N, C-alpha and C. Protein backbone atom coordinates (compact mmCIF):
# COMPACT_ATOMS: atom_id res chain seq x y z
N MET A 1 -27.42 -45.85 -87.94
CA MET A 1 -28.11 -45.45 -86.67
C MET A 1 -27.12 -45.47 -85.59
N MET A 2 -26.63 -46.22 -85.70
CA MET A 2 -25.44 -46.36 -84.76
C MET A 2 -24.58 -45.23 -84.78
N VAL A 3 -24.21 -45.09 -85.97
CA VAL A 3 -23.07 -43.73 -85.98
C VAL A 3 -23.86 -42.64 -85.84
N LEU A 4 -25.21 -42.40 -86.21
CA LEU A 4 -25.75 -41.36 -85.70
C LEU A 4 -25.90 -40.98 -84.14
N ARG A 5 -25.99 -42.03 -83.28
CA ARG A 5 -26.35 -42.11 -82.02
C ARG A 5 -24.63 -41.86 -81.53
N SER A 6 -23.73 -42.41 -81.87
CA SER A 6 -22.48 -42.34 -81.26
C SER A 6 -22.06 -40.73 -81.87
N ILE A 7 -22.29 -40.30 -82.60
CA ILE A 7 -22.20 -38.67 -83.04
C ILE A 7 -22.71 -37.88 -81.96
N ARG A 8 -24.22 -38.00 -81.86
CA ARG A 8 -24.86 -37.10 -80.93
C ARG A 8 -24.40 -37.33 -79.40
N CYS A 9 -24.18 -38.32 -79.12
CA CYS A 9 -23.40 -38.62 -78.12
C CYS A 9 -22.13 -37.95 -77.94
N ARG A 10 -21.15 -38.01 -78.97
CA ARG A 10 -19.67 -37.26 -78.79
C ARG A 10 -20.16 -35.69 -78.86
N LEU A 11 -21.07 -35.51 -79.48
CA LEU A 11 -21.59 -33.99 -79.53
C LEU A 11 -22.06 -33.44 -78.01
N PHE A 12 -23.09 -34.43 -77.44
CA PHE A 12 -23.51 -33.93 -76.08
C PHE A 12 -22.23 -33.93 -75.21
N VAL A 13 -21.47 -34.84 -75.08
CA VAL A 13 -20.27 -34.86 -74.17
C VAL A 13 -19.24 -33.58 -74.43
N ALA A 14 -18.94 -33.27 -75.67
CA ALA A 14 -18.27 -32.03 -75.93
C ALA A 14 -18.99 -30.79 -75.64
N ALA A 15 -20.51 -30.56 -75.84
CA ALA A 15 -20.96 -29.31 -75.29
C ALA A 15 -20.94 -29.39 -73.88
N THR A 16 -21.47 -30.27 -73.53
CA THR A 16 -21.52 -30.39 -71.74
C THR A 16 -19.92 -29.92 -71.40
N ALA A 17 -19.01 -30.66 -71.76
CA ALA A 17 -17.77 -30.12 -71.34
C ALA A 17 -17.09 -28.68 -71.50
N ALA A 18 -17.30 -28.17 -72.96
CA ALA A 18 -17.30 -26.87 -73.39
C ALA A 18 -18.21 -26.15 -72.13
N MET A 19 -19.38 -26.27 -71.84
CA MET A 19 -20.04 -25.34 -71.03
C MET A 19 -19.37 -25.48 -69.52
N PHE A 20 -18.83 -26.38 -69.10
CA PHE A 20 -18.28 -26.58 -67.59
C PHE A 20 -16.84 -25.50 -67.72
N LEU A 21 -16.04 -26.04 -69.26
CA LEU A 21 -14.98 -24.89 -69.35
C LEU A 21 -15.36 -23.48 -69.04
N VAL A 22 -16.25 -23.21 -69.89
CA VAL A 22 -16.52 -21.72 -69.96
C VAL A 22 -17.32 -21.02 -68.46
N THR A 23 -17.58 -21.99 -68.06
CA THR A 23 -18.32 -21.41 -66.55
C THR A 23 -17.30 -21.30 -65.62
N ALA A 24 -16.32 -22.33 -65.68
CA ALA A 24 -15.25 -22.56 -64.70
C ALA A 24 -14.21 -21.34 -65.11
N CYS A 25 -14.09 -20.88 -66.14
CA CYS A 25 -13.05 -20.03 -66.37
C CYS A 25 -13.45 -18.20 -66.23
N SER A 26 -14.81 -18.18 -66.20
CA SER A 26 -15.57 -16.83 -66.45
C SER A 26 -15.45 -16.20 -65.03
N LYS A 27 -15.25 -14.91 -64.96
CA LYS A 27 -15.19 -14.27 -63.57
C LYS A 27 -16.42 -14.15 -63.16
N GLU A 28 -16.41 -13.97 -61.76
CA GLU A 28 -17.96 -14.28 -61.16
C GLU A 28 -17.88 -12.70 -60.84
N GLU A 29 -19.25 -12.42 -61.02
CA GLU A 29 -19.63 -10.88 -60.45
C GLU A 29 -19.65 -10.96 -59.19
N VAL A 30 -18.97 -10.05 -58.34
CA VAL A 30 -19.05 -9.70 -56.86
C VAL A 30 -19.67 -8.40 -56.59
N LYS A 31 -20.65 -8.68 -55.73
CA LYS A 31 -21.50 -7.68 -55.28
C LYS A 31 -21.03 -6.73 -54.21
N ALA A 32 -20.72 -5.64 -54.34
CA ALA A 32 -20.56 -4.62 -53.39
C ALA A 32 -21.27 -4.64 -52.30
N PRO A 33 -20.94 -4.59 -50.91
CA PRO A 33 -21.57 -4.52 -50.27
C PRO A 33 -22.46 -3.25 -50.10
N PRO A 34 -23.87 -3.29 -48.94
CA PRO A 34 -24.48 -1.66 -49.18
C PRO A 34 -23.45 -0.87 -48.37
N PRO A 35 -23.42 0.44 -48.86
CA PRO A 35 -22.74 1.38 -48.02
C PRO A 35 -23.38 1.61 -46.52
N ARG A 36 -22.23 1.75 -45.54
CA ARG A 36 -22.67 2.05 -44.28
C ARG A 36 -23.26 3.24 -44.05
N SER A 37 -24.13 3.40 -43.01
CA SER A 37 -24.59 4.69 -42.46
C SER A 37 -23.37 5.31 -41.35
N VAL A 38 -22.97 6.52 -41.53
CA VAL A 38 -22.48 7.27 -40.62
C VAL A 38 -22.91 8.24 -39.93
N ARG A 39 -22.29 8.42 -38.98
CA ARG A 39 -23.22 9.87 -38.08
C ARG A 39 -21.91 10.84 -38.42
N VAL A 40 -22.22 12.16 -38.79
CA VAL A 40 -21.34 13.33 -39.41
C VAL A 40 -21.67 14.45 -38.48
N VAL A 41 -20.45 14.96 -37.67
CA VAL A 41 -20.35 15.96 -37.04
C VAL A 41 -19.60 17.10 -37.38
N LYS A 42 -20.16 18.38 -37.50
CA LYS A 42 -19.41 19.52 -38.18
C LYS A 42 -18.77 19.95 -36.76
N ILE A 43 -17.47 20.02 -36.74
CA ILE A 43 -16.53 20.66 -35.85
C ILE A 43 -16.43 21.97 -35.99
N GLN A 44 -16.77 22.88 -35.00
CA GLN A 44 -16.54 24.44 -34.71
C GLN A 44 -15.57 24.69 -33.69
N LEU A 45 -14.95 25.90 -33.85
CA LEU A 45 -14.02 26.18 -32.84
C LEU A 45 -14.90 27.39 -32.16
N GLU A 46 -15.05 27.12 -30.70
CA GLU A 46 -15.55 27.68 -29.85
C GLU A 46 -14.89 28.12 -28.63
N GLU A 47 -15.14 29.22 -28.03
CA GLU A 47 -14.72 29.49 -26.67
C GLU A 47 -14.89 28.67 -25.65
N ALA A 48 -14.03 27.87 -25.19
CA ALA A 48 -14.38 27.17 -23.97
C ALA A 48 -14.41 27.74 -22.64
N GLY A 49 -15.38 27.68 -21.79
CA GLY A 49 -15.74 28.20 -20.39
C GLY A 49 -15.16 27.14 -19.56
N ILE A 50 -15.03 27.54 -18.32
CA ILE A 50 -14.50 26.72 -17.33
C ILE A 50 -15.67 25.68 -16.68
N GLY A 51 -15.60 24.34 -16.65
CA GLY A 51 -16.65 23.50 -16.32
C GLY A 51 -16.72 22.49 -17.49
N GLY A 52 -17.92 21.83 -16.81
CA GLY A 52 -18.00 20.48 -17.85
C GLY A 52 -18.41 19.31 -16.85
N HIS A 53 -18.50 18.13 -17.83
CA HIS A 53 -19.16 17.11 -16.86
C HIS A 53 -18.24 16.01 -17.29
N ALA A 54 -18.24 15.08 -16.32
CA ALA A 54 -17.31 13.80 -16.63
C ALA A 54 -17.86 12.85 -15.44
N SER A 55 -17.59 11.77 -15.69
CA SER A 55 -17.91 10.44 -14.66
C SER A 55 -16.46 9.52 -14.62
N GLY A 56 -16.44 9.35 -13.48
CA GLY A 56 -15.26 8.21 -13.22
C GLY A 56 -15.20 8.27 -11.56
N VAL A 57 -13.88 7.67 -11.33
CA VAL A 57 -13.67 7.47 -10.00
C VAL A 57 -12.30 8.32 -9.64
N ILE A 58 -12.24 9.04 -8.47
CA ILE A 58 -11.26 9.78 -8.28
C ILE A 58 -10.21 9.16 -7.20
N GLN A 59 -9.04 9.01 -7.09
CA GLN A 59 -8.13 8.25 -6.55
C GLN A 59 -7.08 9.02 -6.05
N SER A 60 -6.30 8.69 -4.95
CA SER A 60 -5.15 9.35 -4.91
C SER A 60 -3.90 8.45 -5.52
N ARG A 61 -3.02 8.95 -5.79
CA ARG A 61 -1.94 8.54 -6.68
C ARG A 61 -0.95 7.90 -5.65
N TYR A 62 -1.06 8.55 -4.29
CA TYR A 62 -0.22 8.01 -3.37
C TYR A 62 -0.69 7.73 -1.95
N ASN A 63 -0.58 6.61 -1.35
CA ASN A 63 -1.44 6.31 -0.21
C ASN A 63 -0.26 6.31 0.86
N ALA A 64 -0.81 6.79 2.11
CA ALA A 64 0.23 6.80 3.10
C ALA A 64 -0.45 6.39 4.52
N GLN A 65 0.19 5.13 5.03
CA GLN A 65 -0.45 4.61 6.03
C GLN A 65 0.20 5.49 7.13
N VAL A 66 -0.86 6.25 8.36
CA VAL A 66 -0.49 6.61 9.27
C VAL A 66 -0.98 6.33 10.44
N GLY A 67 -0.10 6.37 11.37
CA GLY A 67 -0.16 5.64 12.62
C GLY A 67 0.37 6.19 14.07
N PHE A 68 0.09 5.89 15.20
CA PHE A 68 0.48 6.46 16.42
C PHE A 68 1.49 5.30 16.60
N LEU A 69 2.73 5.70 17.39
CA LEU A 69 3.73 4.89 17.99
C LEU A 69 3.13 4.35 19.20
N VAL A 70 2.41 5.29 19.90
CA VAL A 70 1.77 4.77 20.97
C VAL A 70 0.17 4.45 20.95
N SER A 71 -0.46 3.92 22.02
CA SER A 71 -1.75 3.82 22.19
C SER A 71 -2.62 4.60 22.94
N GLY A 72 -3.81 5.48 22.62
CA GLY A 72 -4.55 6.09 23.55
C GLY A 72 -5.63 6.75 22.91
N ARG A 73 -6.53 7.34 23.78
CA ARG A 73 -7.80 7.78 23.03
C ARG A 73 -7.42 9.06 22.39
N LEU A 74 -8.01 9.10 21.53
CA LEU A 74 -7.98 10.58 20.22
C LEU A 74 -8.80 11.49 21.08
N ILE A 75 -8.01 12.73 21.19
CA ILE A 75 -9.13 13.84 21.43
C ILE A 75 -9.21 14.86 20.49
N GLU A 76 -8.41 14.87 19.23
CA GLU A 76 -8.52 15.80 18.15
C GLU A 76 -7.88 15.72 16.88
N ARG A 77 -8.50 15.51 15.92
CA ARG A 77 -8.20 15.36 14.45
C ARG A 77 -8.10 16.52 13.67
N LYS A 78 -6.89 16.96 13.41
CA LYS A 78 -6.62 18.24 12.81
C LYS A 78 -6.78 18.12 11.15
N ALA A 79 -6.90 16.86 10.57
CA ALA A 79 -6.63 16.77 9.23
C ALA A 79 -7.92 15.93 8.84
N ASP A 80 -8.27 16.29 7.80
CA ASP A 80 -9.73 15.75 7.17
C ASP A 80 -9.25 14.94 5.83
N ILE A 81 -10.20 14.34 5.32
CA ILE A 81 -10.00 13.32 4.29
C ILE A 81 -10.03 14.10 3.16
N GLY A 82 -8.57 14.13 2.31
CA GLY A 82 -8.59 14.83 1.43
C GLY A 82 -7.87 16.12 1.09
N MET A 83 -7.35 16.68 2.29
CA MET A 83 -6.74 17.38 2.97
C MET A 83 -4.90 17.41 2.44
N VAL A 84 -4.45 18.54 1.94
CA VAL A 84 -3.00 18.43 1.69
C VAL A 84 -2.35 18.46 2.94
N VAL A 85 -1.40 17.91 3.25
CA VAL A 85 -0.57 17.96 4.59
C VAL A 85 0.95 17.74 3.99
N LYS A 86 1.59 18.15 4.81
CA LYS A 86 3.16 18.44 4.67
C LYS A 86 3.69 17.49 5.66
N LYS A 87 5.04 17.35 5.46
CA LYS A 87 5.76 16.21 6.47
C LYS A 87 5.91 17.19 7.80
N GLY A 88 5.74 16.69 9.03
CA GLY A 88 5.86 17.28 10.29
C GLY A 88 4.62 18.22 10.77
N ASP A 89 3.50 18.13 9.80
CA ASP A 89 2.21 18.70 10.27
C ASP A 89 1.55 17.79 11.14
N VAL A 90 0.76 18.50 12.25
CA VAL A 90 0.16 17.63 13.31
C VAL A 90 -1.23 17.03 12.95
N LEU A 91 -1.19 15.54 12.66
CA LEU A 91 -2.53 15.18 12.35
C LEU A 91 -3.89 15.03 13.26
N ALA A 92 -3.21 14.48 14.56
CA ALA A 92 -4.40 14.13 15.57
C ALA A 92 -3.34 14.44 16.62
N GLN A 93 -4.17 14.45 17.65
CA GLN A 93 -3.86 14.62 19.05
C GLN A 93 -4.21 13.58 20.15
N ILE A 94 -3.43 12.67 21.04
CA ILE A 94 -3.85 11.97 22.13
C ILE A 94 -4.15 12.44 23.30
N ASP A 95 -4.96 11.76 23.98
CA ASP A 95 -5.45 12.31 25.37
C ASP A 95 -3.98 12.14 26.29
N PRO A 96 -3.44 13.23 26.97
CA PRO A 96 -1.92 12.80 27.49
C PRO A 96 -2.17 12.39 28.86
N THR A 97 -3.43 12.13 29.52
CA THR A 97 -3.64 11.78 30.75
C THR A 97 -3.04 10.45 31.28
N ASP A 98 -3.03 9.56 30.27
CA ASP A 98 -2.64 8.54 30.50
C ASP A 98 -1.01 8.25 30.68
N PHE A 99 -0.21 9.25 29.75
CA PHE A 99 0.87 9.39 29.70
C PHE A 99 1.64 10.25 30.79
N LYS A 100 0.92 11.06 31.07
CA LYS A 100 1.19 11.74 32.55
C LYS A 100 1.33 10.98 33.87
N ASN A 101 0.16 10.04 33.77
CA ASN A 101 0.22 9.09 35.00
C ASN A 101 1.45 8.49 35.05
N LYS A 102 1.58 7.91 33.85
CA LYS A 102 2.71 6.77 33.76
C LYS A 102 4.22 7.62 33.93
N LEU A 103 4.22 8.84 33.64
CA LEU A 103 5.40 9.79 33.89
C LEU A 103 5.61 9.97 35.57
N THR A 104 4.59 10.17 36.20
CA THR A 104 4.34 9.95 37.78
C THR A 104 4.69 8.77 38.44
N ALA A 105 4.26 7.76 37.73
CA ALA A 105 4.64 6.29 38.67
C ALA A 105 6.17 6.28 38.08
N ALA A 106 6.66 6.60 37.22
CA ALA A 106 8.31 6.50 36.77
C ALA A 106 8.91 7.12 37.68
N GLN A 107 8.62 8.57 38.03
CA GLN A 107 8.95 9.43 38.74
C GLN A 107 9.42 9.00 40.42
N SER A 108 8.16 8.16 40.65
CA SER A 108 8.16 7.72 41.92
C SER A 108 9.45 6.72 42.26
N GLN A 109 9.09 5.74 40.91
CA GLN A 109 10.16 4.50 41.21
C GLN A 109 11.68 5.23 40.95
N VAL A 110 11.73 6.05 40.50
CA VAL A 110 13.27 6.61 40.42
C VAL A 110 13.49 7.19 41.66
N THR A 111 12.66 7.96 42.56
CA THR A 111 12.64 8.38 44.12
C THR A 111 12.84 7.36 44.73
N SER A 112 12.07 6.30 44.75
CA SER A 112 12.27 4.91 45.63
C SER A 112 13.70 4.50 45.42
N ALA A 113 13.93 4.20 44.13
CA ALA A 113 15.33 3.56 44.03
C ALA A 113 16.53 4.30 44.05
N GLN A 114 16.44 5.69 44.42
CA GLN A 114 17.60 6.59 45.24
C GLN A 114 17.54 6.40 46.18
N SER A 115 16.58 6.37 46.92
CA SER A 115 16.55 6.41 48.40
C SER A 115 17.13 4.91 48.80
N GLU A 116 16.69 4.03 48.10
CA GLU A 116 17.46 2.21 48.24
C GLU A 116 19.08 2.60 48.17
N ILE A 117 19.43 3.49 47.23
CA ILE A 117 20.94 3.70 47.04
C ILE A 117 21.43 4.30 48.16
N ALA A 118 20.73 5.36 48.71
CA ALA A 118 21.30 6.47 49.68
C ALA A 118 21.41 5.34 50.97
N GLN A 119 20.56 4.34 51.08
CA GLN A 119 20.33 3.53 52.31
C GLN A 119 21.51 2.48 52.37
N ALA A 120 21.96 1.96 51.30
CA ALA A 120 22.68 1.15 50.88
C ALA A 120 24.17 1.60 50.80
N ALA A 121 24.46 2.76 50.71
CA ALA A 121 25.88 3.49 50.86
C ALA A 121 26.23 3.55 52.17
N PRO A 122 27.79 3.23 52.30
CA PRO A 122 28.34 3.03 53.59
C PRO A 122 28.22 4.28 54.28
N ARG A 123 27.94 4.38 55.98
CA ARG A 123 28.00 5.13 56.58
C ARG A 123 29.17 5.64 57.45
N PRO A 124 29.39 6.70 57.68
CA PRO A 124 31.27 7.16 58.14
C PRO A 124 31.19 6.20 59.42
N ALA A 125 30.19 6.31 60.21
CA ALA A 125 30.33 5.46 61.48
C ALA A 125 30.58 4.02 61.52
N LEU A 126 29.86 3.61 60.42
CA LEU A 126 29.67 1.93 60.15
C LEU A 126 31.22 1.89 59.71
N ARG A 127 31.81 2.79 58.82
CA ARG A 127 33.08 2.35 58.16
C ARG A 127 34.25 2.45 59.21
N ALA A 128 34.05 3.56 60.24
CA ALA A 128 35.13 3.45 61.15
C ALA A 128 35.11 2.23 61.94
N ASN A 129 34.30 1.92 62.08
CA ASN A 129 34.09 0.61 63.27
C ASN A 129 34.66 -0.29 62.21
N ALA A 130 34.28 -0.72 60.90
CA ALA A 130 34.73 -1.82 60.54
C ALA A 130 36.46 -1.62 60.23
N VAL A 131 36.72 -0.92 60.13
CA VAL A 131 38.40 -0.42 59.82
C VAL A 131 38.65 -0.65 61.36
N ARG A 132 38.42 -0.40 62.57
CA ARG A 132 38.95 -0.39 63.93
C ARG A 132 39.02 -2.13 63.91
N ALA A 133 37.85 -2.94 63.49
CA ALA A 133 37.79 -4.23 63.73
C ALA A 133 38.96 -4.93 62.91
N VAL A 134 39.14 -4.43 61.60
CA VAL A 134 40.25 -5.22 60.99
C VAL A 134 41.24 -5.00 61.46
N ASP A 135 41.73 -3.82 61.98
CA ASP A 135 43.09 -3.37 62.62
C ASP A 135 43.10 -4.16 64.00
N ALA A 136 42.06 -4.31 64.45
CA ALA A 136 42.19 -5.30 65.70
C ALA A 136 42.55 -6.91 65.51
N VAL A 137 42.04 -7.16 64.35
CA VAL A 137 42.30 -8.88 63.89
C VAL A 137 43.29 -8.70 63.58
N ARG A 138 44.09 -7.80 62.76
CA ARG A 138 45.55 -7.83 62.14
C ARG A 138 46.68 -7.92 63.48
N ARG A 139 46.16 -7.00 64.65
CA ARG A 139 47.27 -6.84 65.55
C ARG A 139 47.09 -8.28 66.36
N GLY A 140 45.84 -8.93 66.21
CA GLY A 140 45.83 -10.34 67.11
C GLY A 140 45.05 -9.78 68.50
N VAL A 141 44.64 -8.62 68.49
CA VAL A 141 43.84 -8.32 69.57
C VAL A 141 42.38 -8.95 70.08
N VAL A 142 41.90 -9.41 68.76
CA VAL A 142 40.63 -9.77 68.89
C VAL A 142 40.64 -10.76 67.78
N ALA A 143 39.77 -11.91 67.89
CA ALA A 143 40.07 -13.15 67.27
C ALA A 143 39.06 -13.08 65.99
N TYR A 144 39.54 -13.60 64.99
CA TYR A 144 38.74 -13.40 63.66
C TYR A 144 37.37 -13.76 63.65
N SER A 145 36.75 -15.10 64.44
CA SER A 145 35.54 -15.27 64.56
C SER A 145 34.61 -14.47 65.36
N SER A 146 35.18 -13.57 65.88
CA SER A 146 34.58 -12.50 66.83
C SER A 146 33.97 -11.37 65.99
N VAL A 147 34.74 -11.08 64.81
CA VAL A 147 34.32 -10.01 64.22
C VAL A 147 33.26 -10.41 63.21
């Protein structure tokens, strides 16, 4: 009985090992994924018209910083947003009243300075008196301290 048991045991072990070997070496059947649903559009050549629809943000390619060299009140703006301008075009105009007042003040300062120069210039009569006084001192007729 022992022999029979040992044979059964060996047969069981051999069958189990054969079953593992057969299942380990066999190819596994891979299932294909289900087909994907797609949207199909038929393309046709049509005559295109002018127009269309789009969404987005429109921005300029170049931005220029514009400013005045002087300050003042703006009286006229000749260029609007999005308008095409060229170099040298007048874009805006400043009120000239302040600058006319400043020009008048500067011209009066020039006139004042010219009158001061005229007063400081030597007069012929004063110059002649000074020349006589120097001659008198040189000749010794008048003392230097009195001139």
